[in-house]
Amino acid sequence: MRRSSISLLPLIWIVIGVVVAATHHFFDHVSTIGAILSAIIAVILWPLILLGVKIAIII
């Protein structure tokens, strides 16, 4: 029997991204679409945040 499993790498990547984005205050003001998109991108591209790249979507 073949078992369906989800790889842990994407899950770990997202969890670390949420932690990094939260510590850099991306979730503080998510009242606009631009802030929400910035938070999502920050979660996905969290290594860039650690390198000092500023992420801001302005709509």
PDB file of N, CA and C in Angstrom:
ATOM      1  N   MET A   1       0.814  -1.175   0.000  1.00  0.00           N
ATOM      2  CA  MET A   1       0.000   0.000   0.000  1.00  0.00           C
ATOM      3  C   MET A   1       0.867   1.251   0.000  1.00  0.00           C
ATOM      4  N   ARG A   2       0.468   2.188  -0.779  1.00  0.00           N
ATOM      5  CA  ARG A   2       1.221   3.433  -0.868  1.00  0.00           C
ATOM      6  C   ARG A   2       0.567   4.493  -0.005  1.00  0.00           C
ATOM      7  N   ARG A   3       1.349   5.142   0.768  1.00  0.00           N
ATOM      8  CA  ARG A   3       0.855   6.137   1.707  1.00  0.00           C
ATOM      9  C   ARG A   3       1.114   7.545   1.166  1.00  0.00           C
ATOM     10  N   SER A   4       0.119   8.370   1.235  1.00  0.00           N
ATOM     11  CA  SER A   4       0.261   9.750   0.797  1.00  0.00           C
ATOM     12  C   SER A   4       0.807  10.576   1.957  1.00  0.00           C
ATOM     13  N   SER A   5       1.885  11.267   1.705  1.00  0.00           N
ATOM     14  CA  SER A   5       2.462  12.085   2.768  1.00  0.00           C
ATOM     15  C   SER A   5       2.820  13.465   2.240  1.00  0.00           C
ATOM     16  N   ILE A   6       2.761  14.407   3.117  1.00  0.00           N
ATOM     17  CA  ILE A   6       3.128  15.772   2.785  1.00  0.00           C
ATOM     18  C   ILE A   6       4.567  15.988   3.241  1.00  0.00           C
ATOM     19  N   SER A   7       5.340  16.571   2.381  1.00  0.00           N
ATOM     20  CA  SER A   7       6.721  16.848   2.724  1.00  0.00           C
ATOM     21  C   SER A   7       6.780  17.888   3.846  1.00  0.00           C
ATOM     22  N   LEU A   8       7.681  17.684   4.760  1.00  0.00           N
ATOM     23  CA  LEU A   8       7.810  18.600   5.887  1.00  0.00           C
ATOM     24  C   LEU A   8       8.532  19.889   5.522  1.00  0.00           C
ATOM     25  N   LEU A   9       9.316  19.882   4.469  1.00  0.00           N
ATOM     26  CA  LEU A   9      10.085  21.062   4.106  1.00  0.00           C
ATOM     27  C   LEU A   9       9.210  22.293   3.838  1.00  0.00           C
ATOM     28  N   PRO A  10       8.161  22.206   3.024  1.00  0.00           N
ATOM     29  CA  PRO A  10       7.318  23.398   2.826  1.00  0.00           C
ATOM     30  C   PRO A  10       6.647  23.863   4.119  1.00  0.00           C
ATOM     31  N   LEU A  11       6.251  22.946   4.953  1.00  0.00           N
ATOM     32  CA  LEU A  11       5.619  23.306   6.215  1.00  0.00           C
ATOM     33  C   LEU A  11       6.610  24.032   7.126  1.00  0.00           C
ATOM     34  N   ILE A  12       7.818  23.532   7.219  1.00  0.00           N
ATOM     35  CA  ILE A  12       8.854  24.169   8.039  1.00  0.00           C
ATOM     36  C   ILE A  12       9.191  25.548   7.476  1.00  0.00           C
ATOM     37  N   TRP A  13       9.267  25.651   6.147  1.00  0.00           N
ATOM     38  CA  TRP A  13       9.573  26.925   5.487  1.00  0.00           C
ATOM     39  C   TRP A  13       8.521  27.985   5.857  1.00  0.00           C
ATOM     40  N   ILE A  14       7.245  27.610   5.798  1.00  0.00           N
ATOM     41  CA  ILE A  14       6.159  28.535   6.114  1.00  0.00           C
ATOM     42  C   ILE A  14       6.178  28.917   7.595  1.00  0.00           C
ATOM     43  N   VAL A  15       6.408  27.953   8.463  1.00  0.00           N
ATOM     44  CA  VAL A  15       6.442  28.239   9.907  1.00  0.00           C
ATOM     45  C   VAL A  15       7.577  29.212  10.230  1.00  0.00           C
ATOM     46  N   ILE A  16       8.741  28.972   9.680  1.00  0.00           N
ATOM     47  CA  ILE A  16       9.865  29.892   9.899  1.00  0.00           C
ATOM     48  C   ILE A  16       9.540  31.263   9.305  1.00  0.00           C
ATOM     49  N   GLY A  17       8.923  31.275   8.142  1.00  0.00           N
ATOM     50  CA  GLY A  17       8.539  32.538   7.506  1.00  0.00           C
ATOM     51  C   GLY A  17       7.562  33.344   8.344  1.00  0.00           C
ATOM     52  N   VAL A  18       6.602  32.680   8.952  1.00  0.00           N
ATOM     53  CA  VAL A  18       5.641  33.369   9.815  1.00  0.00           C
ATOM     54  C   VAL A  18       6.355  33.958  11.029  1.00  0.00           C
ATOM     55  N   VAL A  19       7.256  33.195  11.611  1.00  0.00           N
ATOM     56  CA  VAL A  19       7.994  33.686  12.780  1.00  0.00           C
ATOM     57  C   VAL A  19       8.860  34.889  12.403  1.00  0.00           C
ATOM     58  N   VAL A  20       9.579  34.798  11.306  1.00  0.00           N
ATOM     59  CA  VAL A  20      10.446  35.901  10.878  1.00  0.00           C
ATOM     60  C   VAL A  20       9.610  37.132  10.536  1.00  0.00           C
ATOM     61  N   ALA A  21       8.522  36.948   9.804  1.00  0.00           N
ATOM     62  CA  ALA A  21       7.667  38.085   9.444  1.00  0.00           C
ATOM     63  C   ALA A  21       7.046  38.718  10.684  1.00  0.00           C
ATOM     64  N   ALA A  22       6.668  37.908  11.645  1.00  0.00           N
ATOM     65  CA  ALA A  22       6.078  38.443  12.874  1.00  0.00           C
ATOM     66  C   ALA A  22       7.108  39.223  13.680  1.00  0.00           C
ATOM     67  N   THR A  23       8.339  38.726  13.746  1.00  0.00           N
ATOM     68  CA  THR A  23       9.365  39.442  14.508  1.00  0.00           C
ATOM     69  C   THR A  23       9.803  40.732  13.824  1.00  0.00           C
ATOM     70  N   HIS A  24       9.544  40.839  12.522  1.00  0.00           N
ATOM     71  CA  HIS A  24       9.861  42.070  11.796  1.00  0.00           C
ATOM     72  C   HIS A  24       8.608  42.925  11.583  1.00  0.00           C
ATOM     73  N   HIS A  25       7.560  42.651  12.339  1.00  0.00           N
ATOM     74  CA  HIS A  25       6.347  43.479  12.416  1.00  0.00           C
ATOM     75  C   HIS A  25       5.547  43.558  11.117  1.00  0.00           C
ATOM     76  N   PHE A  26       5.541  42.515  10.321  1.00  0.00           N
ATOM     77  CA  PHE A  26       4.743  42.518   9.102  1.00  0.00           C
ATOM     78  C   PHE A  26       3.259  42.282   9.376  1.00  0.00           C
ATOM     79  N   PHE A  27       2.932  41.734  10.527  1.00  0.00           N
ATOM     80  CA  PHE A  27       1.540  41.450  10.846  1.00  0.00           C
ATOM     81  C   PHE A  27       0.905  42.522  11.729  1.00  0.00           C
ATOM     82  N   ASP A  28       1.628  43.581  12.048  1.00  0.00           N
ATOM     83  CA  ASP A  28       1.110  44.616  12.934  1.00  0.00           C
ATOM     84  C   ASP A  28      -0.014  45.437  12.298  1.00  0.00           C
ATOM     85  N   HIS A  29       0.134  45.787  11.034  1.00  0.00           N
ATOM     86  CA  HIS A  29      -0.839  46.653  10.364  1.00  0.00           C
ATOM     87  C   HIS A  29      -1.280  46.032   9.039  1.00  0.00           C
ATOM     88  N   VAL A  30      -2.074  45.006   9.114  1.00  0.00           N
ATOM     89  CA  VAL A  30      -2.545  44.342   7.891  1.00  0.00           C
ATOM     90  C   VAL A  30      -3.975  44.760   7.576  1.00  0.00           C
ATOM     91  N   SER A  31      -4.189  46.054   7.511  1.00  0.00           N
ATOM     92  CA  SER A  31      -5.531  46.566   7.243  1.00  0.00           C
ATOM     93  C   SER A  31      -5.747  46.916   5.771  1.00  0.00           C
ATOM     94  N   THR A  32      -4.687  46.905   4.974  1.00  0.00           N
ATOM     95  CA  THR A  32      -4.822  47.208   3.550  1.00  0.00           C
ATOM     96  C   THR A  32      -4.342  46.021   2.720  1.00  0.00           C
ATOM     97  N   ILE A  33      -4.732  46.025   1.477  1.00  0.00           N
ATOM     98  CA  ILE A  33      -4.309  44.954   0.559  1.00  0.00           C
ATOM     99  C   ILE A  33      -2.790  44.948   0.416  1.00  0.00           C
ATOM    100  N   GLY A  34      -2.188  46.111   0.329  1.00  0.00           N
ATOM    101  CA  GLY A  34      -0.733  46.186   0.204  1.00  0.00           C
ATOM    102  C   GLY A  34      -0.020  45.579   1.396  1.00  0.00           C
ATOM    103  N   ALA A  35      -0.533  45.839   2.600  1.00  0.00           N
ATOM    104  CA  ALA A  35       0.079  45.284   3.810  1.00  0.00           C
ATOM    105  C   ALA A  35      -0.104  43.770   3.872  1.00  0.00           C
ATOM    106  N   ILE A  36      -1.248  43.298   3.442  1.00  0.00           N
ATOM    107  CA  ILE A  36      -1.499  41.849   3.416  1.00  0.00           C
ATOM    108  C   ILE A  36      -0.568  41.176   2.415  1.00  0.00           C
ATOM    109  N   LEU A  37      -0.431  41.753   1.230  1.00  0.00           N
ATOM    110  CA  LEU A  37       0.477  41.189   0.218  1.00  0.00           C
ATOM    111  C   LEU A  37       1.926  41.235   0.695  1.00  0.00           C
ATOM    112  N   SER A  38       2.317  42.304   1.365  1.00  0.00           N
ATOM    113  CA  SER A  38       3.673  42.399   1.902  1.00  0.00           C
ATOM    114  C   SER A  38       3.920  41.305   2.935  1.00  0.00           C
ATOM    115  N   ALA A  39       2.931  41.042   3.779  1.00  0.00           N
ATOM    116  CA  ALA A  39       3.075  40.000   4.795  1.00  0.00           C
ATOM    117  C   ALA A  39       3.193  38.623   4.142  1.00  0.00           C
ATOM    118  N   ILE A  40       2.390  38.359   3.129  1.00  0.00           N
ATOM    119  CA  ILE A  40       2.448  37.067   2.435  1.00  0.00           C
ATOM    120  C   ILE A  40       3.807  36.880   1.758  1.00  0.00           C
ATOM    121  N   ILE A  41       4.271  37.914   1.082  1.00  0.00           N
ATOM    122  CA  ILE A  41       5.570  37.833   0.413  1.00  0.00           C
ATOM    123  C   ILE A  41       6.689  37.681   1.439  1.00  0.00           C
ATOM    124  N   ALA A  42       6.561  38.361   2.574  1.00  0.00           N
ATOM    125  CA  ALA A  42       7.567  38.241   3.628  1.00  0.00           C
ATOM    126  C   ALA A  42       7.636  36.821   4.168  1.00  0.00           C
ATOM    127  N   VAL A  43       6.498  36.161   4.293  1.00  0.00           N
ATOM    128  CA  VAL A  43       6.485  34.775   4.771  1.00  0.00           C
ATOM    129  C   VAL A  43       7.174  33.865   3.766  1.00  0.00           C
ATOM    130  N   ILE A  44       6.911  34.076   2.501  1.00  0.00           N
ATOM    131  CA  ILE A  44       7.480  33.205   1.464  1.00  0.00           C
ATOM    132  C   ILE A  44       8.980  33.482   1.259  1.00  0.00           C
ATOM    133  N   LEU A  45       9.364  34.743   1.300  1.00  0.00           N
ATOM    134  CA  LEU A  45      10.744  35.126   1.013  1.00  0.00           C
ATOM    135  C   LEU A  45      11.502  35.528   2.277  1.00  0.00           C
ATOM    136  N   TRP A  46      11.265  34.825   3.366  1.00  0.00           N
ATOM    137  CA  TRP A  46      11.850  35.191   4.656  1.00  0.00           C
ATOM    138  C   TRP A  46      13.377  35.255   4.682  1.00  0.00           C
ATOM    139  N   PRO A  47      14.115  34.471   3.895  1.00  0.00           N
ATOM    140  CA  PRO A  47      15.578  34.632   3.943  1.00  0.00           C
ATOM    141  C   PRO A  47      16.029  36.031   3.512  1.00  0.00           C
ATOM    142  N   LEU A  48      15.296  36.643   2.587  1.00  0.00           N
ATOM    143  CA  LEU A  48      15.656  37.999   2.154  1.00  0.00           C
ATOM    144  C   LEU A  48      15.472  39.009   3.277  1.00  0.00           C
ATOM    145  N   ILE A  49      14.460  38.801   4.100  1.00  0.00           N
ATOM    146  CA  ILE A  49      14.232  39.699   5.230  1.00  0.00           C
ATOM    147  C   ILE A  49      15.403  39.612   6.202  1.00  0.00           C
ATOM    148  N   LEU A  50      15.874  38.404   6.433  1.00  0.00           N
ATOM    149  CA  LEU A  50      17.021  38.239   7.329  1.00  0.00           C
ATOM    150  C   LEU A  50      18.285  38.881   6.771  1.00  0.00           C
ATOM    151  N   LEU A  51      18.343  39.016   5.449  1.00  0.00           N
ATOM    152  CA  LEU A  51      19.498  39.662   4.813  1.00  0.00           C
ATOM    153  C   LEU A  51      19.357  41.177   4.763  1.00  0.00           C
ATOM    154  N   GLY A  52      18.216  41.689   5.227  1.00  0.00           N
ATOM    155  CA  GLY A  52      18.023  43.134   5.286  1.00  0.00           C
ATOM    156  C   GLY A  52      17.238  43.742   4.159  1.00  0.00           C
ATOM    157  N   VAL A  53      16.665  42.934   3.285  1.00  0.00           N
ATOM    158  CA  VAL A  53      15.859  43.447   2.179  1.00  0.00           C
ATOM    159  C   VAL A  53      14.535  43.954   2.730  1.00  0.00           C
ATOM    160  N   LYS A  54      14.138  45.161   2.347  1.00  0.00           N
ATOM    161  CA  LYS A  54      12.866  45.732   2.765  1.00  0.00           C
ATOM    162  C   LYS A  54      11.798  45.344   1.756  1.00  0.00           C
ATOM    163  N   ILE A  55      10.712  44.770   2.242  1.00  0.00           N
ATOM    164  CA  ILE A  55       9.616  44.340   1.377  1.00  0.00           C
ATOM    165  C   ILE A  55       8.406  45.202   1.696  1.00  0.00           C
ATOM    166  N   ALA A  56       7.897  45.894   0.690  1.00  0.00           N
ATOM    167  CA  ALA A  56       6.700  46.709   0.879  1.00  0.00           C
ATOM    168  C   ALA A  56       5.950  46.792  -0.437  1.00  0.00           C
ATOM    169  N   ILE A  57       4.700  46.373  -0.404  1.00  0.00           N
ATOM    170  CA  ILE A  57       3.830  46.486  -1.567  1.00  0.00           C
ATOM    171  C   ILE A  57       2.930  47.693  -1.324  1.00  0.00           C
ATOM    172  N   ILE A  58       2.984  48.649  -2.213  1.00  0.00           N
ATOM    173  CA  ILE A  58       2.177  49.857  -2.062  1.00  0.00           C
ATOM    174  C   ILE A  58       1.148  49.874  -3.179  1.00  0.00           C
ATOM    175  N   ILE A  59      -0.114  49.837  -2.760  1.00  0.00           N
ATOM    176  CA  ILE A  59      -1.212  49.849  -3.745  1.00  0.00           C
ATOM    177  C   ILE A  59      -2.068  51.056  -3.482  1.00  0.00           C
TER     178      ILE A  59
END
